[in-house]
N, C-alpha and C. Protein backbone atom coordinates (compact mmCIF):
# COMPACT_ATOMS: atom_id res chain seq x y z
N UNK A 1 -1.69 8.93 -26.39
CA UNK A 1 -1.27 7.66 -26.92
C UNK A 1 -0.12 7.13 -26.06
N UNK A 2 -0.22 5.87 -25.66
CA UNK A 2 0.82 5.24 -24.86
C UNK A 2 1.77 4.49 -25.80
N UNK A 3 3.01 4.92 -25.82
CA UNK A 3 3.99 4.39 -26.77
C UNK A 3 4.96 3.39 -26.15
N UNK A 4 4.54 2.68 -25.13
CA UNK A 4 5.45 1.75 -24.47
C UNK A 4 6.04 0.73 -25.44
N UNK A 5 5.24 0.27 -26.38
CA UNK A 5 5.71 -0.75 -27.31
C UNK A 5 6.82 -0.20 -28.22
N UNK A 6 6.71 1.06 -28.63
CA UNK A 6 7.77 1.68 -29.44
C UNK A 6 9.09 1.70 -28.68
N UNK A 7 9.03 2.07 -27.40
CA UNK A 7 10.23 2.11 -26.57
C UNK A 7 10.83 0.71 -26.41
N UNK A 8 9.97 -0.27 -26.18
CA UNK A 8 10.46 -1.63 -26.00
C UNK A 8 11.09 -2.17 -27.28
N UNK A 9 10.43 -1.96 -28.41
CA UNK A 9 10.97 -2.45 -29.67
C UNK A 9 12.28 -1.78 -30.03
N UNK A 10 12.42 -0.49 -29.74
CA UNK A 10 13.70 0.17 -30.00
C UNK A 10 14.78 -0.37 -29.07
N UNK A 11 14.41 -0.65 -27.83
CA UNK A 11 15.36 -1.25 -26.89
C UNK A 11 15.83 -2.61 -27.38
N UNK A 12 14.92 -3.39 -27.94
CA UNK A 12 15.29 -4.70 -28.49
C UNK A 12 16.25 -4.53 -29.68
N UNK A 13 15.98 -3.52 -30.50
CA UNK A 13 16.88 -3.23 -31.63
C UNK A 13 18.25 -2.78 -31.12
N UNK A 14 18.27 -1.96 -30.09
CA UNK A 14 19.53 -1.53 -29.49
C UNK A 14 20.33 -2.74 -28.98
N UNK A 15 19.63 -3.72 -28.43
CA UNK A 15 20.31 -4.92 -27.94
C UNK A 15 21.00 -5.65 -29.09
N UNK A 16 20.34 -5.74 -30.22
CA UNK A 16 20.96 -6.37 -31.39
C UNK A 16 22.21 -5.59 -31.81
N UNK A 17 22.14 -4.26 -31.75
CA UNK A 17 23.30 -3.42 -32.09
C UNK A 17 24.43 -3.64 -31.08
N UNK A 18 24.10 -3.77 -29.82
CA UNK A 18 25.13 -4.03 -28.80
C UNK A 18 25.85 -5.34 -29.09
N UNK A 19 25.11 -6.33 -29.53
CA UNK A 19 25.73 -7.63 -29.87
C UNK A 19 26.69 -7.47 -31.04
N UNK A 20 26.32 -6.68 -32.03
CA UNK A 20 27.21 -6.42 -33.16
C UNK A 20 28.46 -5.67 -32.72
N UNK A 21 28.27 -4.66 -31.89
CA UNK A 21 29.42 -3.91 -31.36
C UNK A 21 30.39 -4.85 -30.65
N UNK A 22 29.85 -5.73 -29.84
CA UNK A 22 30.66 -6.69 -29.11
C UNK A 22 31.38 -7.64 -30.08
N UNK A 23 30.64 -8.15 -31.04
CA UNK A 23 31.19 -9.09 -32.01
C UNK A 23 32.38 -8.49 -32.78
N UNK A 24 32.30 -7.21 -33.08
CA UNK A 24 33.35 -6.56 -33.86
C UNK A 24 34.33 -5.74 -33.01
N UNK A 25 34.38 -6.05 -31.71
CA UNK A 25 35.36 -5.47 -30.79
C UNK A 25 35.22 -3.97 -30.55
N UNK A 26 34.02 -3.44 -30.72
CA UNK A 26 33.74 -2.05 -30.36
C UNK A 26 33.17 -2.07 -28.94
N UNK A 27 34.02 -2.41 -27.99
CA UNK A 27 33.55 -2.65 -26.63
C UNK A 27 32.98 -1.41 -25.97
N UNK A 28 33.56 -0.24 -26.27
CA UNK A 28 33.02 0.97 -25.67
C UNK A 28 31.59 1.21 -26.15
N UNK A 29 31.33 0.93 -27.42
CA UNK A 29 29.98 1.10 -27.95
C UNK A 29 29.05 -0.01 -27.49
N UNK A 30 29.58 -1.21 -27.32
CA UNK A 30 28.75 -2.30 -26.78
C UNK A 30 28.26 -1.94 -25.38
N UNK A 31 29.13 -1.35 -24.58
CA UNK A 31 28.75 -0.95 -23.22
C UNK A 31 27.71 0.16 -23.25
N UNK A 32 27.95 1.18 -24.08
CA UNK A 32 26.99 2.28 -24.18
C UNK A 32 25.64 1.78 -24.70
N UNK A 33 25.67 0.96 -25.74
CA UNK A 33 24.42 0.48 -26.32
C UNK A 33 23.68 -0.43 -25.36
N UNK A 34 24.40 -1.18 -24.55
CA UNK A 34 23.75 -1.99 -23.51
C UNK A 34 23.03 -1.09 -22.51
N UNK A 35 23.66 0.03 -22.15
CA UNK A 35 23.01 0.99 -21.26
C UNK A 35 21.74 1.54 -21.91
N UNK A 36 21.83 1.85 -23.20
CA UNK A 36 20.67 2.39 -23.91
C UNK A 36 19.55 1.36 -24.01
N UNK A 37 19.91 0.10 -24.19
CA UNK A 37 18.93 -0.99 -24.21
C UNK A 37 18.14 -1.01 -22.91
N UNK A 38 18.86 -0.98 -21.80
CA UNK A 38 18.21 -1.02 -20.49
C UNK A 38 17.38 0.23 -20.25
N UNK A 39 17.89 1.39 -20.65
CA UNK A 39 17.16 2.63 -20.46
C UNK A 39 15.82 2.58 -21.20
N UNK A 40 15.82 2.12 -22.43
CA UNK A 40 14.58 2.07 -23.21
C UNK A 40 13.62 1.04 -22.64
N UNK A 41 14.15 -0.07 -22.15
CA UNK A 41 13.28 -1.09 -21.55
C UNK A 41 12.60 -0.54 -20.29
N UNK A 42 13.35 0.19 -19.47
CA UNK A 42 12.76 0.76 -18.26
C UNK A 42 11.72 1.83 -18.60
N UNK A 43 12.02 2.65 -19.59
CA UNK A 43 11.05 3.67 -20.00
C UNK A 43 9.80 3.02 -20.58
N UNK A 44 9.98 1.91 -21.31
CA UNK A 44 8.82 1.17 -21.82
C UNK A 44 7.96 0.67 -20.66
N UNK A 45 8.61 0.15 -19.63
CA UNK A 45 7.88 -0.33 -18.46
C UNK A 45 7.12 0.80 -17.79
N UNK A 46 7.77 1.94 -17.66
CA UNK A 46 7.09 3.09 -17.06
C UNK A 46 5.85 3.47 -17.86
N UNK A 47 6.00 3.59 -19.16
CA UNK A 47 4.84 3.93 -20.01
C UNK A 47 3.75 2.87 -19.89
N UNK A 48 4.17 1.59 -19.88
CA UNK A 48 3.20 0.51 -19.76
C UNK A 48 2.40 0.64 -18.46
N UNK A 49 3.08 1.06 -17.40
CA UNK A 49 2.42 1.22 -16.10
C UNK A 49 1.68 2.54 -15.96
N UNK A 50 1.82 3.42 -16.96
CA UNK A 50 1.05 4.65 -16.97
C UNK A 50 1.76 5.91 -16.53
N UNK A 51 3.08 5.88 -16.47
CA UNK A 51 3.80 7.10 -16.13
C UNK A 51 5.09 7.18 -16.95
N UNK A 52 5.67 8.37 -16.99
CA UNK A 52 6.85 8.61 -17.80
C UNK A 52 8.09 8.69 -16.92
N UNK A 53 9.15 8.02 -17.34
CA UNK A 53 10.43 8.09 -16.66
C UNK A 53 11.35 8.98 -17.48
N UNK A 54 12.01 9.92 -16.81
CA UNK A 54 12.89 10.88 -17.47
C UNK A 54 14.33 10.63 -17.07
N UNK A 55 15.24 11.11 -17.89
CA UNK A 55 16.65 11.04 -17.58
C UNK A 55 17.30 9.81 -18.17
N UNK A 56 18.54 9.58 -17.75
CA UNK A 56 19.31 8.47 -18.30
C UNK A 56 19.84 7.52 -17.23
N UNK A 57 19.66 7.86 -15.96
CA UNK A 57 20.17 7.02 -14.89
C UNK A 57 19.23 5.83 -14.66
N UNK A 58 19.74 4.65 -14.95
CA UNK A 58 18.96 3.44 -14.72
C UNK A 58 18.67 3.25 -13.24
N UNK A 59 19.66 3.58 -12.43
CA UNK A 59 19.51 3.45 -10.98
C UNK A 59 18.36 4.32 -10.48
N UNK A 60 18.31 5.56 -10.92
CA UNK A 60 17.23 6.46 -10.49
C UNK A 60 15.87 6.00 -11.01
N UNK A 61 15.84 5.49 -12.23
CA UNK A 61 14.57 5.00 -12.77
C UNK A 61 14.08 3.79 -11.98
N UNK A 62 14.99 2.89 -11.62
CA UNK A 62 14.60 1.73 -10.82
C UNK A 62 14.11 2.15 -9.44
N UNK A 63 14.76 3.14 -8.85
CA UNK A 63 14.30 3.64 -7.55
C UNK A 63 12.89 4.21 -7.65
N UNK A 64 12.62 4.95 -8.71
CA UNK A 64 11.29 5.51 -8.91
C UNK A 64 10.26 4.40 -9.12
N UNK A 65 10.62 3.40 -9.90
CA UNK A 65 9.71 2.27 -10.10
C UNK A 65 9.41 1.58 -8.76
N UNK A 66 10.45 1.45 -7.95
CA UNK A 66 10.27 0.82 -6.63
C UNK A 66 9.33 1.66 -5.76
N UNK A 67 9.49 2.98 -5.80
CA UNK A 67 8.59 3.88 -5.07
C UNK A 67 7.15 3.74 -5.54
N UNK A 68 6.98 3.39 -6.80
CA UNK A 68 5.64 3.21 -7.37
C UNK A 68 5.07 1.82 -7.09
N UNK A 69 5.84 1.01 -6.35
CA UNK A 69 5.35 -0.30 -5.96
C UNK A 69 5.82 -1.47 -6.81
N UNK A 70 6.71 -1.20 -7.76
CA UNK A 70 7.25 -2.28 -8.60
C UNK A 70 8.36 -2.98 -7.83
N UNK A 71 8.30 -4.31 -7.77
CA UNK A 71 9.33 -5.07 -7.07
C UNK A 71 10.60 -5.10 -7.92
N UNK A 72 11.70 -4.64 -7.36
CA UNK A 72 12.99 -4.56 -8.05
C UNK A 72 13.98 -5.46 -7.32
N UNK A 73 14.44 -6.53 -7.97
CA UNK A 73 15.44 -7.39 -7.32
C UNK A 73 16.74 -6.62 -7.07
N UNK A 74 17.37 -6.88 -5.94
CA UNK A 74 18.61 -6.18 -5.58
C UNK A 74 19.68 -6.36 -6.65
N UNK A 75 19.78 -7.54 -7.21
CA UNK A 75 20.78 -7.79 -8.24
C UNK A 75 20.58 -6.90 -9.46
N UNK A 76 19.34 -6.60 -9.79
CA UNK A 76 19.06 -5.73 -10.93
C UNK A 76 19.53 -4.31 -10.65
N UNK A 77 19.34 -3.85 -9.44
CA UNK A 77 19.80 -2.52 -9.06
C UNK A 77 21.32 -2.43 -9.17
N UNK A 78 22.02 -3.46 -8.76
CA UNK A 78 23.49 -3.46 -8.86
C UNK A 78 23.95 -3.44 -10.32
N UNK A 79 23.26 -4.15 -11.18
CA UNK A 79 23.62 -4.15 -12.61
C UNK A 79 23.32 -2.79 -13.23
N UNK A 80 22.26 -2.15 -12.79
CA UNK A 80 21.94 -0.81 -13.28
C UNK A 80 23.03 0.18 -12.91
N UNK A 81 23.55 0.06 -11.70
CA UNK A 81 24.62 0.94 -11.26
C UNK A 81 25.86 0.77 -12.15
N UNK A 82 26.15 -0.46 -12.54
CA UNK A 82 27.28 -0.70 -13.42
C UNK A 82 27.02 -0.09 -14.80
N UNK A 83 25.85 -0.33 -15.36
CA UNK A 83 25.53 0.22 -16.69
C UNK A 83 25.51 1.75 -16.68
N UNK A 84 25.10 2.35 -15.58
CA UNK A 84 25.10 3.82 -15.49
C UNK A 84 26.50 4.39 -15.73
N UNK A 85 27.51 3.65 -15.36
CA UNK A 85 28.90 4.12 -15.55
C UNK A 85 29.29 4.17 -17.02
N UNK A 86 28.53 3.53 -17.88
CA UNK A 86 28.86 3.48 -19.30
C UNK A 86 28.15 4.54 -20.13
N UNK A 87 27.39 5.39 -19.50
CA UNK A 87 26.61 6.36 -20.27
C UNK A 87 27.48 7.44 -20.94
N UNK A 88 28.42 8.02 -20.22
CA UNK A 88 29.22 9.11 -20.80
C UNK A 88 30.65 8.67 -21.16
N UNK A 89 31.41 8.03 -20.28
CA UNK A 89 32.82 7.79 -20.59
C UNK A 89 33.06 6.88 -21.80
N UNK A 90 32.07 6.11 -22.20
CA UNK A 90 32.26 5.23 -23.35
C UNK A 90 32.22 5.98 -24.67
N UNK A 91 31.83 7.27 -24.63
CA UNK A 91 31.68 8.04 -25.86
C UNK A 91 32.53 9.29 -25.93
N UNK A 92 33.02 9.78 -24.81
CA UNK A 92 33.69 11.08 -24.79
C UNK A 92 35.11 10.97 -24.22
N UNK A 93 36.10 11.43 -24.97
CA UNK A 93 37.48 11.38 -24.47
C UNK A 93 37.69 12.13 -23.15
N UNK A 94 36.90 13.14 -22.88
CA UNK A 94 37.11 13.88 -21.63
C UNK A 94 36.64 13.11 -20.40
N UNK A 95 36.18 11.90 -20.59
CA UNK A 95 35.86 11.03 -19.45
C UNK A 95 37.12 10.45 -18.82
N UNK A 96 38.27 10.67 -19.47
CA UNK A 96 39.55 10.15 -19.01
C UNK A 96 40.60 11.25 -19.05
N UNK A 97 41.67 11.08 -18.32
CA UNK A 97 42.74 12.09 -18.32
C UNK A 97 43.44 12.17 -19.66
N UNK A 98 43.53 11.04 -20.36
CA UNK A 98 44.16 11.03 -21.68
C UNK A 98 43.57 9.88 -22.49
N UNK A 99 43.79 9.93 -23.78
CA UNK A 99 43.32 8.86 -24.64
C UNK A 99 41.85 8.99 -24.98
N UNK A 100 41.38 8.00 -25.68
CA UNK A 100 39.99 7.95 -26.13
C UNK A 100 39.29 6.78 -25.46
N UNK A 101 37.96 6.75 -25.47
CA UNK A 101 37.24 5.65 -24.82
C UNK A 101 37.67 4.26 -25.27
N UNK A 102 37.97 4.10 -26.56
CA UNK A 102 38.39 2.78 -27.05
C UNK A 102 39.66 2.28 -26.36
N UNK A 103 40.51 3.21 -25.91
CA UNK A 103 41.73 2.82 -25.22
C UNK A 103 41.45 2.17 -23.87
N UNK A 104 40.29 2.43 -23.32
CA UNK A 104 39.93 1.94 -21.98
C UNK A 104 38.89 0.83 -22.03
N UNK A 105 38.47 0.46 -23.23
CA UNK A 105 37.40 -0.53 -23.38
C UNK A 105 37.97 -1.79 -24.03
N UNK A 106 38.22 -2.78 -23.21
CA UNK A 106 38.77 -4.03 -23.70
C UNK A 106 37.90 -5.18 -23.20
N UNK A 107 38.08 -6.31 -23.81
CA UNK A 107 37.34 -7.50 -23.39
C UNK A 107 37.93 -7.99 -22.08
N UNK A 108 37.07 -8.09 -21.08
CA UNK A 108 37.49 -8.60 -19.78
C UNK A 108 36.45 -9.61 -19.35
N UNK A 109 36.86 -10.86 -19.27
CA UNK A 109 35.91 -11.89 -18.90
C UNK A 109 36.01 -12.17 -17.40
N UNK A 110 34.86 -12.37 -16.81
CA UNK A 110 34.79 -12.72 -15.40
C UNK A 110 34.91 -14.21 -15.20
N UNK A 111 34.66 -14.66 -14.01
CA UNK A 111 34.85 -16.07 -13.70
C UNK A 111 33.87 -16.99 -14.44
N UNK A 112 32.78 -16.41 -14.95
CA UNK A 112 31.81 -17.21 -15.69
C UNK A 112 31.93 -17.02 -17.20
N UNK A 113 33.01 -16.38 -17.65
CA UNK A 113 33.23 -16.19 -19.07
C UNK A 113 32.44 -15.05 -19.67
N UNK A 114 31.79 -14.25 -18.83
CA UNK A 114 31.02 -13.11 -19.30
C UNK A 114 31.75 -11.82 -19.01
N UNK A 115 31.35 -10.79 -19.72
CA UNK A 115 31.92 -9.47 -19.46
C UNK A 115 31.47 -8.97 -18.12
């Protein structure tokens, strides 16, 4: 049974959770949940195309998709690299020398008003 749709629907649900985390200033969780959203979307794509993607690195999954002939825009690869950084340190205090992840997760807007 190919469960690509289950993965995609859970990714969509994760995206809604990321929006709630952001809305209520849980920025560390918004970042982690955004990473999870992308991870599930990529795994859904892999299943849809007939193969399974393992692990949590978005960058590695995109590279594998590219090897399989899927066109990956360079900008998407750069965004995946950024999201990969949110997988562990947003949840575990030992990702930093001191403090907890919430101490390092604040709202920072770029030149276009986005995080």
